[in-house]
Amino acid sequence: MNSFFQSLHILTEAELVQLDGLKRPKLLQKGDFLIRAGTVCAEFVYVRSGLLRSFHVKDNGEEVTYCLTFPGQPMTALSSLITQQPTKENIQALGPTEMEVLSRDVYRLPVPARLAGTLTLPLTALASGLYVCELSWPSQPPATRKLLVRH
């Protein structure tokens, strides 16, 4: 995961070290699901080895694959991760798949009440809906803090 973020030249070394402490490993076997339709997504993953497929099921039961995720790529059920509503997609391992995982609870930080409404949020797109958000606010000394956010 760090190599992916390093390649984007957006996070500092200190931020990469911090990110490294937030991730955890996960292994799926062939046929295991990262997420199933009807559940709520809580993870952003980076595929280390193996292969994931994203698909939906038509009313007639036919599975339609619309995305394959290879090693070195990120994956998530994006709309569900953002809205915390059940997803319509399935993400399944096509073989043994090793991943690094960031839990939504780990990187979703509340905005302090005293700062609400005063933040400016320029977003820099990374990939697959992942952004670096530089937060700054007029009520505090000049400073900028980078956060990873999903949109």
Protein backbone atom coordinates (compact mmCIF):
# COMPACT_ATOMS: atom_id res chain seq x y z
CA MET A 1 0.00 0.00 0.00
CA ASN A 2 2.81 2.39 0.82
CA SER A 3 4.36 1.92 -2.62
CA PHE A 4 1.02 2.90 -4.18
CA PHE A 5 0.85 6.09 -2.12
CA GLN A 6 4.56 6.83 -2.63
CA SER A 7 4.07 6.66 -6.40
CA LEU A 8 1.54 9.50 -6.15
CA HIS A 9 4.09 11.86 -4.49
CA ILE A 10 1.45 13.39 -2.24
CA LEU A 11 2.09 12.02 1.26
CA THR A 12 5.19 12.82 3.25
CA GLU A 13 7.43 10.08 4.67
CA ALA A 14 5.97 10.76 8.13
CA GLU A 15 2.44 10.36 6.75
CA LEU A 16 3.41 7.11 5.03
CA VAL A 17 4.78 5.79 8.33
CA GLN A 18 1.54 6.78 10.05
CA LEU A 19 -0.49 5.07 7.30
CA ASP A 20 1.64 1.95 7.72
CA GLY A 21 0.57 1.72 11.36
CA LEU A 22 -3.14 1.85 10.43
CA LYS A 23 -3.31 -1.01 7.95
CA ARG A 24 -3.73 -4.71 8.67
CA PRO A 25 -3.30 -7.82 6.51
CA LYS A 26 -6.22 -9.83 5.18
CA LEU A 27 -6.30 -13.09 3.21
CA LEU A 28 -9.21 -14.32 1.12
CA GLN A 29 -9.37 -17.79 -0.40
CA LYS A 30 -10.85 -18.55 -3.82
CA GLY A 31 -14.57 -17.80 -3.73
CA ASP A 32 -14.44 -15.76 -0.51
CA PHE A 33 -16.16 -12.37 -0.59
CA LEU A 34 -14.67 -9.05 0.42
CA ILE A 35 -18.23 -7.71 0.38
CA ARG A 36 -21.64 -9.03 -0.71
CA ALA A 37 -24.59 -7.14 -2.13
CA GLY A 38 -26.88 -5.94 0.65
CA THR A 39 -24.08 -5.31 3.18
CA VAL A 40 -22.35 -2.07 4.17
CA CYS A 41 -18.72 -1.53 3.18
CA ALA A 42 -16.25 -0.68 5.93
CA GLU A 43 -12.88 -1.38 4.24
CA PHE A 44 -10.53 0.06 1.66
CA VAL A 45 -8.09 -2.60 0.43
CA TYR A 46 -4.87 -2.75 -1.54
CA VAL A 47 -4.25 -6.05 -3.35
CA ARG A 48 -0.78 -7.48 -2.69
CA SER A 49 -1.29 -10.75 -4.60
CA GLY A 50 -4.18 -12.55 -6.18
CA LEU A 51 -7.19 -11.20 -8.04
CA LEU A 52 -10.58 -9.72 -7.10
CA ARG A 53 -13.63 -9.41 -9.31
CA SER A 54 -16.48 -6.96 -8.85
CA PHE A 55 -19.87 -8.05 -10.12
CA HIS A 56 -23.59 -7.59 -9.78
CA VAL A 57 -26.37 -10.09 -10.27
CA LYS A 58 -29.16 -9.41 -12.75
CA ASP A 59 -32.79 -10.15 -11.89
CA ASN A 60 -32.53 -13.38 -13.91
CA GLY A 61 -29.58 -14.54 -11.74
CA GLU A 62 -26.85 -13.85 -14.32
CA GLU A 63 -23.60 -12.55 -12.81
CA VAL A 64 -22.11 -9.57 -14.63
CA THR A 65 -18.41 -8.92 -13.93
CA TYR A 66 -17.50 -5.28 -14.49
CA CYS A 67 -14.10 -4.90 -12.83
CA LEU A 68 -11.00 -6.97 -12.09
CA THR A 69 -8.52 -5.78 -9.47
CA PHE A 70 -4.91 -6.94 -9.86
CA PRO A 71 -1.92 -6.80 -7.49
CA GLY A 72 -0.81 -3.24 -6.84
CA GLN A 73 -4.32 -1.79 -7.14
CA PRO A 74 -6.80 -0.46 -4.56
CA MET A 75 -10.41 -1.66 -4.29
CA THR A 76 -13.55 -0.92 -2.29
CA ALA A 77 -17.33 -0.69 -2.69
CA LEU A 78 -17.02 3.07 -2.93
CA SER A 79 -20.59 4.31 -2.75
CA SER A 80 -21.32 2.09 0.25
CA LEU A 81 -18.10 3.12 1.99
CA ILE A 82 -19.05 6.78 1.66
CA THR A 83 -22.78 6.63 2.36
CA GLN A 84 -22.76 3.65 4.74
CA GLN A 85 -25.74 2.31 2.82
CA PRO A 86 -25.92 -1.31 1.60
CA THR A 87 -24.01 -1.93 -1.62
CA LYS A 88 -25.42 -3.45 -4.80
CA GLU A 89 -22.09 -4.98 -5.76
CA ASN A 90 -20.16 -8.09 -4.83
CA ILE A 91 -16.37 -8.27 -4.59
CA GLN A 92 -14.99 -11.80 -4.65
CA ALA A 93 -11.54 -13.42 -4.69
CA LEU A 94 -10.80 -15.45 -7.83
CA GLY A 95 -7.96 -17.24 -6.05
CA PRO A 96 -5.93 -16.83 -2.85
CA THR A 97 -5.72 -13.04 -2.44
CA GLU A 98 -3.51 -11.18 0.03
CA MET A 99 -4.51 -7.60 0.83
CA GLU A 100 -3.66 -4.71 3.09
CA VAL A 101 -6.76 -3.19 4.68
CA LEU A 102 -7.65 0.23 6.03
CA SER A 103 -10.83 0.12 8.08
CA ARG A 104 -13.28 2.99 7.64
CA ASP A 105 -13.24 3.51 11.39
CA VAL A 106 -9.48 4.06 11.35
CA TYR A 107 -9.34 6.91 8.85
CA ARG A 108 -12.75 8.53 9.25
CA LEU A 109 -12.17 11.34 11.70
CA PRO A 110 -14.85 13.70 13.03
CA VAL A 111 -14.45 17.44 12.51
CA PRO A 112 -14.27 19.23 15.89
CA ALA A 113 -17.45 21.25 16.54
CA ARG A 114 -15.51 24.51 16.95
CA LEU A 115 -14.18 24.13 13.40
CA ALA A 116 -17.41 23.06 11.71
CA GLY A 117 -18.30 25.27 8.78
CA THR A 118 -14.90 26.95 8.65
CA LEU A 119 -12.88 24.31 6.83
CA THR A 120 -11.69 24.69 3.28
CA LEU A 121 -11.34 21.39 1.48
CA PRO A 122 -9.23 21.36 -1.67
CA LEU A 123 -9.17 17.74 -2.83
CA THR A 124 -6.44 16.04 -4.82
CA ALA A 125 -7.63 12.90 -6.60
CA LEU A 126 -5.44 9.84 -6.11
CA ALA A 127 -7.22 6.85 -7.62
CA SER A 128 -10.52 4.98 -7.46
CA GLY A 129 -12.19 7.83 -5.57
CA LEU A 130 -9.42 8.22 -2.99
CA TYR A 131 -8.41 11.80 -2.29
CA VAL A 132 -5.90 13.68 -0.21
CA CYS A 133 -7.70 16.51 1.50
CA GLU A 134 -5.71 19.44 2.82
CA LEU A 135 -7.55 20.99 5.72
CA SER A 136 -6.99 24.56 6.82
CA TRP A 137 -9.11 26.88 8.91
CA PRO A 138 -8.94 30.59 9.70
CA SER A 139 -9.55 30.24 13.44
CA GLN A 140 -6.26 28.39 13.97
CA PRO A 141 -2.61 29.32 13.36
CA PRO A 142 -1.55 28.82 9.75
CA ALA A 143 -1.26 25.07 9.22
CA THR A 144 -2.35 22.45 6.79
CA ARG A 145 -3.11 18.84 7.58
CA LYS A 146 -3.43 16.18 4.90
CA LEU A 147 -6.11 13.52 5.33
CA LEU A 148 -7.11 10.59 3.15
CA VAL A 149 -10.77 10.70 2.33
CA ARG A 150 -13.16 8.81 0.06
CA HIS A 151 -15.78 10.48 -2.08
